[in-house]
PDB file of N, CA and C in Angstrom:
ATOM      1  N   MET A   1     -23.292-167.351-191.567  1.00  0.00           N
ATOM      2  CA  MET A   1     -21.961-167.549-191.028  1.00  0.00           C
ATOM      3  C   MET A   1     -21.346-168.756-191.732  1.00  0.00           C
ATOM      4  N   SER A   2     -20.152-168.579-192.210  1.00  0.00           N
ATOM      5  CA  SER A   2     -19.458-169.636-192.942  1.00  0.00           C
ATOM      6  C   SER A   2     -18.434-170.314-192.042  1.00  0.00           C
ATOM      7  N   GLU A   3     -18.428-171.640-192.033  1.00  0.00           N
ATOM      8  CA  GLU A   3     -17.437-172.386-191.241  1.00  0.00           C
ATOM      9  C   GLU A   3     -16.719-173.353-192.157  1.00  0.00           C
ATOM     10  N   LYS A   4     -15.394-173.409-192.031  1.00  0.00           N
ATOM     11  CA  LYS A   4     -14.602-174.320-192.851  1.00  0.00           C
ATOM     12  C   LYS A   4     -13.664-175.112-191.967  1.00  0.00           C
ATOM     13  N   ASP A   5     -13.477-176.364-192.318  1.00  0.00           N
ATOM     14  CA  ASP A   5     -12.537-177.203-191.580  1.00  0.00           C
ATOM     15  C   ASP A   5     -11.157-177.079-192.210  1.00  0.00           C
ATOM     16  N   LEU A   6     -10.182-176.853-191.359  1.00  0.00           N
ATOM     17  CA  LEU A   6      -8.798-176.780-191.813  1.00  0.00           C
ATOM     18  C   LEU A   6      -8.000-177.782-191.009  1.00  0.00           C
ATOM     19  N   VAL A   7      -7.268-178.642-191.673  1.00  0.00           N
ATOM     20  CA  VAL A   7      -6.442-179.617-190.984  1.00  0.00           C
ATOM     21  C   VAL A   7      -5.010-179.404-191.420  1.00  0.00           C
ATOM     22  N   ALA A   8      -4.130-179.209-190.462  1.00  0.00           N
ATOM     23  CA  ALA A   8      -2.713-179.009-190.760  1.00  0.00           C
ATOM     24  C   ALA A   8      -1.927-180.199-190.241  1.00  0.00           C
ATOM     25  N   THR A   9      -0.943-180.628-190.988  1.00  0.00           N
ATOM     26  CA  THR A   9      -0.067-181.701-190.545  1.00  0.00           C
ATOM     27  C   THR A   9       1.215-181.080-190.021  1.00  0.00           C
ATOM     28  N   VAL A  10       1.559-181.409-188.795  1.00  0.00           N
ATOM     29  CA  VAL A  10       2.727-180.836-188.144  1.00  0.00           C
ATOM     30  C   VAL A  10       3.638-181.971-187.715  1.00  0.00           C
ATOM     31  N   ALA A  11       4.926-181.910-188.085  1.00  0.00           N
ATOM     32  CA  ALA A  11       5.874-182.962-187.716  1.00  0.00           C
ATOM     33  C   ALA A  11       6.345-182.765-186.286  1.00  0.00           C
ATOM     34  N   ILE A  12       6.310-183.833-185.501  1.00  0.00           N
ATOM     35  CA  ILE A  12       6.882-183.840-184.158  1.00  0.00           C
ATOM     36  C   ILE A  12       7.814-185.043-184.094  1.00  0.00           C
ATOM     37  N   PRO A  13       8.732-185.098-183.152  1.00  0.00           N
ATOM     38  CA  PRO A  13       9.731-186.174-183.135  1.00  0.00           C
ATOM     39  C   PRO A  13       9.125-187.573-183.282  1.00  0.00           C
ATOM     40  N   ASP A  14       9.643-188.344-184.233  1.00  0.00           N
ATOM     41  CA  ASP A  14       9.300-189.749-184.471  1.00  0.00           C
ATOM     42  C   ASP A  14       7.864-189.995-184.914  1.00  0.00           C
ATOM     43  N   GLN A  15       7.111-188.965-185.206  1.00  0.00           N
ATOM     44  CA  GLN A  15       5.743-189.214-185.668  1.00  0.00           C
ATOM     45  C   GLN A  15       5.178-187.982-186.359  1.00  0.00           C
ATOM     46  N   ILE A  16       4.099-188.193-187.067  1.00  0.00           N
ATOM     47  CA  ILE A  16       3.354-187.092-187.659  1.00  0.00           C
ATOM     48  C   ILE A  16       1.926-187.200-187.166  1.00  0.00           C
ATOM     49  N   ARG A  17       1.399-186.097-186.688  1.00  0.00           N
ATOM     50  CA  ARG A  17       0.051-186.081-186.131  1.00  0.00           C
ATOM     51  C   ARG A  17      -0.730-184.935-186.744  1.00  0.00           C
ATOM     52  N   GLU A  18      -1.987-185.159-187.066  1.00  0.00           N
ATOM     53  CA  GLU A  18      -2.828-184.092-187.587  1.00  0.00           C
ATOM     54  C   GLU A  18      -3.486-183.362-186.431  1.00  0.00           C
ATOM     55  N   ARG A  19      -3.521-182.035-186.534  1.00  0.00           N
ATOM     56  CA  ARG A  19      -4.200-181.216-185.542  1.00  0.00           C
ATOM     57  C   ARG A  19      -5.440-180.627-186.182  1.00  0.00           C
ATOM     58  N   ASN A  20      -6.551-180.704-185.488  1.00  0.00           N
ATOM     59  CA  ASN A  20      -7.806-180.160-185.989  1.00  0.00           C
ATOM     60  C   ASN A  20      -7.800-178.652-185.800  1.00  0.00           C
ATOM     61  N   ARG A  21      -7.938-177.930-186.885  1.00  0.00           N
ATOM     62  CA  ARG A  21      -8.015-176.474-186.842  1.00  0.00           C
ATOM     63  C   ARG A  21      -9.216-176.039-187.653  1.00  0.00           C
ATOM     64  N   ARG A  22      -9.956-175.099-187.113  1.00  0.00           N
ATOM     65  CA  ARG A  22     -11.157-174.635-187.779  1.00  0.00           C
ATOM     66  C   ARG A  22     -11.294-173.131-187.599  1.00  0.00           C
ATOM     67  N   TRP A  23     -11.815-172.454-188.593  1.00  0.00           N
ATOM     68  CA  TRP A  23     -12.054-171.020-188.451  1.00  0.00           C
ATOM     69  C   TRP A  23     -13.460-170.665-188.863  1.00  0.00           C
ATOM     70  N   ILE A  24     -13.958-169.556-188.287  1.00  0.00           N
ATOM     71  CA  ILE A  24     -15.284-169.019-188.595  1.00  0.00           C
ATOM     72  C   ILE A  24     -15.120-167.527-188.836  1.00  0.00           C
ATOM     73  N   ALA A  25     -15.749-167.021-189.886  1.00  0.00           N
ATOM     74  CA  ALA A  25     -15.772-165.583-190.137  1.00  0.00           C
ATOM     75  C   ALA A  25     -16.985-164.999-189.419  1.00  0.00           C
ATOM     76  N   LEU A  26     -16.756-164.156-188.407  1.00  0.00           N
ATOM     77  CA  LEU A  26     -17.856-163.475-187.720  1.00  0.00           C
ATOM     78  C   LEU A  26     -18.284-162.246-188.506  1.00  0.00           C
ATOM     79  N   ASP A  27     -17.381-161.747-189.321  1.00  0.00           N
ATOM     80  CA  ASP A  27     -17.588-160.600-190.197  1.00  0.00           C
ATOM     81  C   ASP A  27     -16.539-160.753-191.292  1.00  0.00           C
ATOM     82  N   CYS A  28     -16.623-159.982-192.352  1.00  0.00           N
ATOM     83  CA  CYS A  28     -15.610-160.138-193.406  1.00  0.00           C
ATOM     84  C   CYS A  28     -14.214-159.786-192.904  1.00  0.00           C
ATOM     85  N   ARG A  29     -14.116-159.035-191.796  1.00  0.00           N
ATOM     86  CA  ARG A  29     -12.798-158.649-191.268  1.00  0.00           C
ATOM     87  C   ARG A  29     -12.527-159.181-189.864  1.00  0.00           C
ATOM     88  N   VAL A  30     -13.316-160.140-189.412  1.00  0.00           N
ATOM     89  CA  VAL A  30     -13.107-160.721-188.081  1.00  0.00           C
ATOM     90  C   VAL A  30     -13.195-162.239-188.173  1.00  0.00           C
ATOM     91  N   LEU A  31     -12.100-162.915-187.801  1.00  0.00           N
ATOM     92  CA  LEU A  31     -12.078-164.376-187.800  1.00  0.00           C
ATOM     93  C   LEU A  31     -11.851-164.891-186.393  1.00  0.00           C
ATOM     94  N   VAL A  32     -12.417-166.056-186.119  1.00  0.00           N
ATOM     95  CA  VAL A  32     -12.084-166.804-184.908  1.00  0.00           C
ATOM     96  C   VAL A  32     -11.538-168.153-185.361  1.00  0.00           C
ATOM     97  N   VAL A  33     -10.496-168.612-184.670  1.00  0.00           N
ATOM     98  CA  VAL A  33      -9.810-169.848-185.037  1.00  0.00           C
ATOM     99  C   VAL A  33      -9.708-170.736-183.813  1.00  0.00           C
ATOM    100  N   ALA A  34     -10.082-172.000-183.960  1.00  0.00           N
ATOM    101  CA  ALA A  34      -9.934-172.983-182.886  1.00  0.00           C
ATOM    102  C   ALA A  34      -8.902-174.008-183.321  1.00  0.00           C
ATOM    103  N   THR A  35      -8.110-174.469-182.366  1.00  0.00           N
ATOM    104  CA  THR A  35      -7.096-175.463-182.676  1.00  0.00           C
ATOM    105  C   THR A  35      -6.927-176.431-181.515  1.00  0.00           C
ATOM    106  N   GLU A  36      -6.709-177.687-181.838  1.00  0.00           N
ATOM    107  CA  GLU A  36      -6.396-178.692-180.823  1.00  0.00           C
ATOM    108  C   GLU A  36      -4.952-178.521-180.391  1.00  0.00           C
ATOM    109  N   GLY A  37      -4.695-178.772-179.123  1.00  0.00           N
ATOM    110  CA  GLY A  37      -3.331-178.759-178.611  1.00  0.00           C
ATOM    111  C   GLY A  37      -2.748-180.155-178.644  1.00  0.00           C
ATOM    112  N   TRP A  38      -1.530-180.304-178.136  1.00  0.00           N
ATOM    113  CA  TRP A  38      -0.871-181.605-178.127  1.00  0.00           C
ATOM    114  C   TRP A  38      -1.248-182.427-176.906  1.00  0.00           C
ATOM    115  N   ALA A  39      -1.826-181.808-175.901  1.00  0.00           N
ATOM    116  CA  ALA A  39      -2.101-182.499-174.638  1.00  0.00           C
ATOM    117  C   ALA A  39      -3.585-182.806-174.447  1.00  0.00           C
ATOM    118  N   GLY A  40      -4.323-182.991-175.541  1.00  0.00           N
ATOM    119  CA  GLY A  40      -5.747-183.301-175.432  1.00  0.00           C
ATOM    120  C   GLY A  40      -6.575-182.100-175.025  1.00  0.00           C
ATOM    121  N   ASP A  41      -6.111-180.897-175.386  1.00  0.00           N
ATOM    122  CA  ASP A  41      -6.847-179.694-175.062  1.00  0.00           C
ATOM    123  C   ASP A  41      -7.078-178.892-176.345  1.00  0.00           C
ATOM    124  N   TRP A  42      -7.733-177.753-176.231  1.00  0.00           N
ATOM    125  CA  TRP A  42      -7.956-176.900-177.385  1.00  0.00           C
ATOM    126  C   TRP A  42      -8.099-175.461-176.917  1.00  0.00           C
ATOM    127  N   THR A  43      -8.012-174.533-177.851  1.00  0.00           N
ATOM    128  CA  THR A  43      -8.165-173.116-177.552  1.00  0.00           C
ATOM    129  C   THR A  43      -8.648-172.391-178.802  1.00  0.00           C
ATOM    130  N   ALA A  44      -9.146-171.166-178.610  1.00  0.00           N
ATOM    131  CA  ALA A  44      -9.655-170.382-179.734  1.00  0.00           C
ATOM    132  C   ALA A  44      -9.182-168.936-179.621  1.00  0.00           C
ATOM    133  N   TYR A  45      -8.961-168.325-180.772  1.00  0.00           N
ATOM    134  CA  TYR A  45      -8.459-166.958-180.851  1.00  0.00           C
ATOM    135  C   TYR A  45      -9.325-166.138-181.788  1.00  0.00           C
ATOM    136  N   ILE A  46      -9.359-164.834-181.561  1.00  0.00           N
ATOM    137  CA  ILE A  46     -10.106-163.906-182.410  1.00  0.00           C
ATOM    138  C   ILE A  46      -9.156-162.815-182.875  1.00  0.00           C
ATOM    139  N   GLY A  47      -9.376-162.339-184.103  1.00  0.00           N
ATOM    140  CA  GLY A  47      -8.523-161.279-184.609  1.00  0.00           C
ATOM    141  C   GLY A  47      -9.104-160.605-185.838  1.00  0.00           C
ATOM    142  N   ALA A  48      -8.627-159.387-186.072  1.00  0.00           N
ATOM    143  CA  ALA A  48      -9.018-158.626-187.256  1.00  0.00           C
ATOM    144  C   ALA A  48      -8.108-159.005-188.421  1.00  0.00           C
ATOM    145  N   VAL A  49      -8.692-159.078-189.600  1.00  0.00           N
ATOM    146  CA  VAL A  49      -7.955-159.425-190.818  1.00  0.00           C
ATOM    147  C   VAL A  49      -8.357-158.458-191.925  1.00  0.00           C
ATOM    148  N   PRO A  50      -7.567-158.369-193.003  1.00  0.00           N
ATOM    149  CA  PRO A  50      -7.946-157.492-194.113  1.00  0.00           C
ATOM    150  C   PRO A  50      -9.287-157.889-194.751  1.00  0.00           C
ATOM    151  N   GLY A  51      -9.614-159.182-194.700  1.00  0.00           N
ATOM    152  CA  GLY A  51     -10.897-159.630-195.234  1.00  0.00           C
ATOM    153  C   GLY A  51     -10.893-159.939-196.712  1.00  0.00           C
ATOM    154  N   HIS A  52      -9.727-160.195-197.268  1.00  0.00           N
ATOM    155  CA  HIS A  52      -9.644-160.484-198.694  1.00  0.00           C
ATOM    156  C   HIS A  52      -9.644-161.983-198.999  1.00  0.00           C
ATOM    157  N   VAL A  53      -8.834-162.759-198.261  1.00  0.00           N
ATOM    158  CA  VAL A  53      -8.724-164.200-198.504  1.00  0.00           C
ATOM    159  C   VAL A  53      -8.636-164.911-197.152  1.00  0.00           C
ATOM    160  N   HIS A  54      -9.777-165.243-196.593  1.00  0.00           N
ATOM    161  CA  HIS A  54      -9.800-165.886-195.273  1.00  0.00           C
ATOM    162  C   HIS A  54      -9.014-167.182-195.240  1.00  0.00           C
ATOM    163  N   GLU A  55      -8.952-167.888-196.359  1.00  0.00           N
ATOM    164  CA  GLU A  55      -8.220-169.152-196.421  1.00  0.00           C
ATOM    165  C   GLU A  55      -6.737-168.979-196.115  1.00  0.00           C
ATOM    166  N   ARG A  56      -6.219-167.766-196.250  1.00  0.00           N
ATOM    167  CA  ARG A  56      -4.825-167.485-195.894  1.00  0.00           C
ATOM    168  C   ARG A  56      -4.724-166.661-194.614  1.00  0.00           C
ATOM    169  N   GLU A  57      -5.751-165.909-194.282  1.00  0.00           N
ATOM    170  CA  GLU A  57      -5.700-164.981-193.148  1.00  0.00           C
ATOM    171  C   GLU A  57      -5.902-165.649-191.795  1.00  0.00           C
ATOM    172  N   TRP A  58      -6.504-166.837-191.757  1.00  0.00           N
ATOM    173  CA  TRP A  58      -6.798-167.484-190.477  1.00  0.00           C
ATOM    174  C   TRP A  58      -5.535-167.779-189.676  1.00  0.00           C
ATOM    175  N   GLU A  59      -4.430-168.076-190.366  1.00  0.00           N
ATOM    176  CA  GLU A  59      -3.208-168.446-189.655  1.00  0.00           C
ATOM    177  C   GLU A  59      -2.622-167.271-188.860  1.00  0.00           C
ATOM    178  N   GLU A  60      -2.770-166.061-189.365  1.00  0.00           N
ATOM    179  CA  GLU A  60      -2.322-164.869-188.637  1.00  0.00           C
ATOM    180  C   GLU A  60      -3.107-164.731-187.328  1.00  0.00           C
ATOM    181  N   VAL A  61      -4.394-165.024-187.360  1.00  0.00           N
ATOM    182  CA  VAL A  61      -5.220-164.974-186.150  1.00  0.00           C
ATOM    183  C   VAL A  61      -4.778-166.054-185.170  1.00  0.00           C
ATOM    184  N   LEU A  62      -4.485-167.236-185.665  1.00  0.00           N
ATOM    185  CA  LEU A  62      -4.019-168.327-184.809  1.00  0.00           C
ATOM    186  C   LEU A  62      -2.758-167.934-184.043  1.00  0.00           C
ATOM    187  N   HIS A  63      -1.826-167.273-184.705  1.00  0.00           N
ATOM    188  CA  HIS A  63      -0.544-166.939-184.083  1.00  0.00           C
ATOM    189  C   HIS A  63      -0.526-165.614-183.333  1.00  0.00           C
ATOM    190  N   HIS A  64      -1.400-164.681-183.712  1.00  0.00           N
ATOM    191  CA  HIS A  64      -1.325-163.342-183.120  1.00  0.00           C
ATOM    192  C   HIS A  64      -2.658-162.826-182.589  1.00  0.00           C
ATOM    193  N   GLY A  65      -3.699-163.641-182.643  1.00  0.00           N
ATOM    194  CA  GLY A  65      -5.012-163.199-182.174  1.00  0.00           C
ATOM    195  C   GLY A  65      -5.128-163.190-180.653  1.00  0.00           C
ATOM    196  N   SER A  66      -6.218-162.653-180.168  1.00  0.00           N
ATOM    197  CA  SER A  66      -6.504-162.627-178.732  1.00  0.00           C
ATOM    198  C   SER A  66      -7.260-163.892-178.349  1.00  0.00           C
ATOM    199  N   LYS A  67      -6.880-164.475-177.231  1.00  0.00           N
ATOM    200  CA  LYS A  67      -7.524-165.712-176.772  1.00  0.00           C
ATOM    201  C   LYS A  67      -8.949-165.423-176.331  1.00  0.00           C
ATOM    202  N   LEU A  68      -9.867-166.260-176.780  1.00  0.00           N
ATOM    203  CA  LEU A  68     -11.270-166.112-176.391  1.00  0.00           C
ATOM    204  C   LEU A  68     -11.520-166.721-175.016  1.00  0.00           C
ATOM    205  N   PRO A  69     -12.441-166.131-174.252  1.00  0.00           N
ATOM    206  CA  PRO A  69     -12.856-166.781-173.007  1.00  0.00           C
ATOM    207  C   PRO A  69     -13.503-168.130-173.324  1.00  0.00           C
ATOM    208  N   GLN A  70     -13.390-169.055-172.406  1.00  0.00           N
ATOM    209  CA  GLN A  70     -13.875-170.413-172.629  1.00  0.00           C
ATOM    210  C   GLN A  70     -15.350-170.462-173.018  1.00  0.00           C
ATOM    211  N   LYS A  71     -16.212-169.736-172.341  1.00  0.00           N
ATOM    212  CA  LYS A  71     -17.652-169.818-172.634  1.00  0.00           C
ATOM    213  C   LYS A  71     -17.984-169.358-174.051  1.00  0.00           C
ATOM    214  N   ILE A  72     -17.312-168.332-174.524  1.00  0.00           N
ATOM    215  CA  ILE A  72     -17.544-167.855-175.888  1.00  0.00           C
ATOM    216  C   ILE A  72     -16.995-168.863-176.889  1.00  0.00           C
ATOM    217  N   ALA A  73     -15.811-169.388-176.628  1.00  0.00           N
ATOM    218  CA  ALA A  73     -15.211-170.386-177.514  1.00  0.00           C
ATOM    219  C   ALA A  73     -16.105-171.618-177.632  1.00  0.00           C
ATOM    220  N   GLU A  74     -16.675-172.059-176.522  1.00  0.00           N
ATOM    221  CA  GLU A  74     -17.543-173.238-176.554  1.00  0.00           C
ATOM    222  C   GLU A  74     -18.838-172.972-177.319  1.00  0.00           C
ATOM    223  N   LEU A  75     -19.337-171.745-177.298  1.00  0.00           N
ATOM    224  CA  LEU A  75     -20.525-171.403-178.093  1.00  0.00           C
ATOM    225  C   LEU A  75     -20.223-171.453-179.584  1.00  0.00           C
ATOM    226  N   LEU A  76     -19.051-170.979-179.966  1.00  0.00           N
ATOM    227  CA  LEU A  76     -18.683-170.942-181.378  1.00  0.00           C
ATOM    228  C   LEU A  76     -18.233-172.290-181.925  1.00  0.00           C
ATOM    229  N   PHE A  77     -17.616-173.109-181.068  1.00  0.00           N
ATOM    230  CA  PHE A  77     -17.084-174.404-181.488  1.00  0.00           C
ATOM    231  C   PHE A  77     -17.582-175.503-180.543  1.00  0.00           C
ATOM    232  N   PRO A  78     -18.883-175.820-180.558  1.00  0.00           N
ATOM    233  CA  PRO A  78     -19.422-176.786-179.599  1.00  0.00           C
ATOM    234  C   PRO A  78     -18.940-178.221-179.802  1.00  0.00           C
ATOM    235  N   ASP A  79     -18.403-178.527-180.973  1.00  0.00           N
ATOM    236  CA  ASP A  79     -17.952-179.895-181.235  1.00  0.00           C
ATOM    237  C   ASP A  79     -16.540-180.173-180.726  1.00  0.00           C
ATOM    238  N   PHE A  80     -15.820-179.154-180.279  1.00  0.00           N
ATOM    239  CA  PHE A  80     -14.541-179.393-179.627  1.00  0.00           C
ATOM    240  C   PHE A  80     -14.853-179.866-178.215  1.00  0.00           C
ATOM    241  N   THR A  81     -14.493-181.092-177.900  1.00  0.00           N
ATOM    242  CA  THR A  81     -14.911-181.691-176.627  1.00  0.00           C
ATOM    243  C   THR A  81     -13.781-181.826-175.620  1.00  0.00           C
ATOM    244  N   GLU A  82     -12.563-181.537-176.043  1.00  0.00           N
ATOM    245  CA  GLU A  82     -11.432-181.658-175.127  1.00  0.00           C
ATOM    246  C   GLU A  82     -11.464-180.533-174.091  1.00  0.00           C
ATOM    247  N   LYS A  83     -10.560-180.593-173.148  1.00  0.00           N
ATOM    248  CA  LYS A  83     -10.432-179.567-172.114  1.00  0.00           C
ATOM    249  C   LYS A  83      -9.932-178.272-172.748  1.00  0.00           C
ATOM    250  N   TYR A  84     -10.569-177.143-172.414  1.00  0.00           N
ATOM    251  CA  TYR A  84     -10.157-175.853-172.949  1.00  0.00           C
ATOM    252  C   TYR A  84      -8.881-175.393-172.267  1.00  0.00           C
ATOM    253  N   MET A  85      -7.892-174.996-173.060  1.00  0.00           N
ATOM    254  CA  MET A  85      -6.621-174.525-172.536  1.00  0.00           C
ATOM    255  C   MET A  85      -6.772-173.053-172.160  1.00  0.00           C
ATOM    256  N   TRP A  86      -6.585-172.713-170.913  1.00  0.00           N
ATOM    257  CA  TRP A  86      -6.840-171.343-170.471  1.00  0.00           C
ATOM    258  C   TRP A  86      -5.626-170.441-170.560  1.00  0.00           C
ATOM    259  N   ARG A  87      -4.447-170.975-170.840  1.00  0.00           N
ATOM    260  CA  ARG A  87      -3.245-170.145-171.011  1.00  0.00           C
ATOM    261  C   ARG A  87      -2.865-170.072-172.468  1.00  0.00           C
ATOM    262  N   ARG A  88      -2.152-169.036-172.852  1.00  0.00           N
ATOM    263  CA  ARG A  88      -1.685-168.906-174.240  1.00  0.00           C
ATOM    264  C   ARG A  88      -0.459-169.735-174.443  1.00  0.00           C
TER     265      ARG A  88
END
C-alpha cells in the first residue's frame, strides 16, 4: 500500500494556512483521502478513480467521494489526532 503526503495551501481572509491532506491507494482504482478541517477536525473520503495518475485523481475523491465512517478512517489514518468531522 502506497501512502503519500499532500499539502495544499489555501488562502483565507488575512492569512494563509496549510491544510494537511493525505491519500492512500487501496487499489489502482480506489483512493481514500483524509483532510484537516478549519476547526481542528478532520475527515476522510473514498472514491473510484480511473487509476492512471493518482497524484491528480485524489482531488476528485476529496470533493466528490463518499465519507468514510470514523472507525475505518481512523484505521487508515491513525496519525490524524483531531476530532473526526461526522458531517460532510
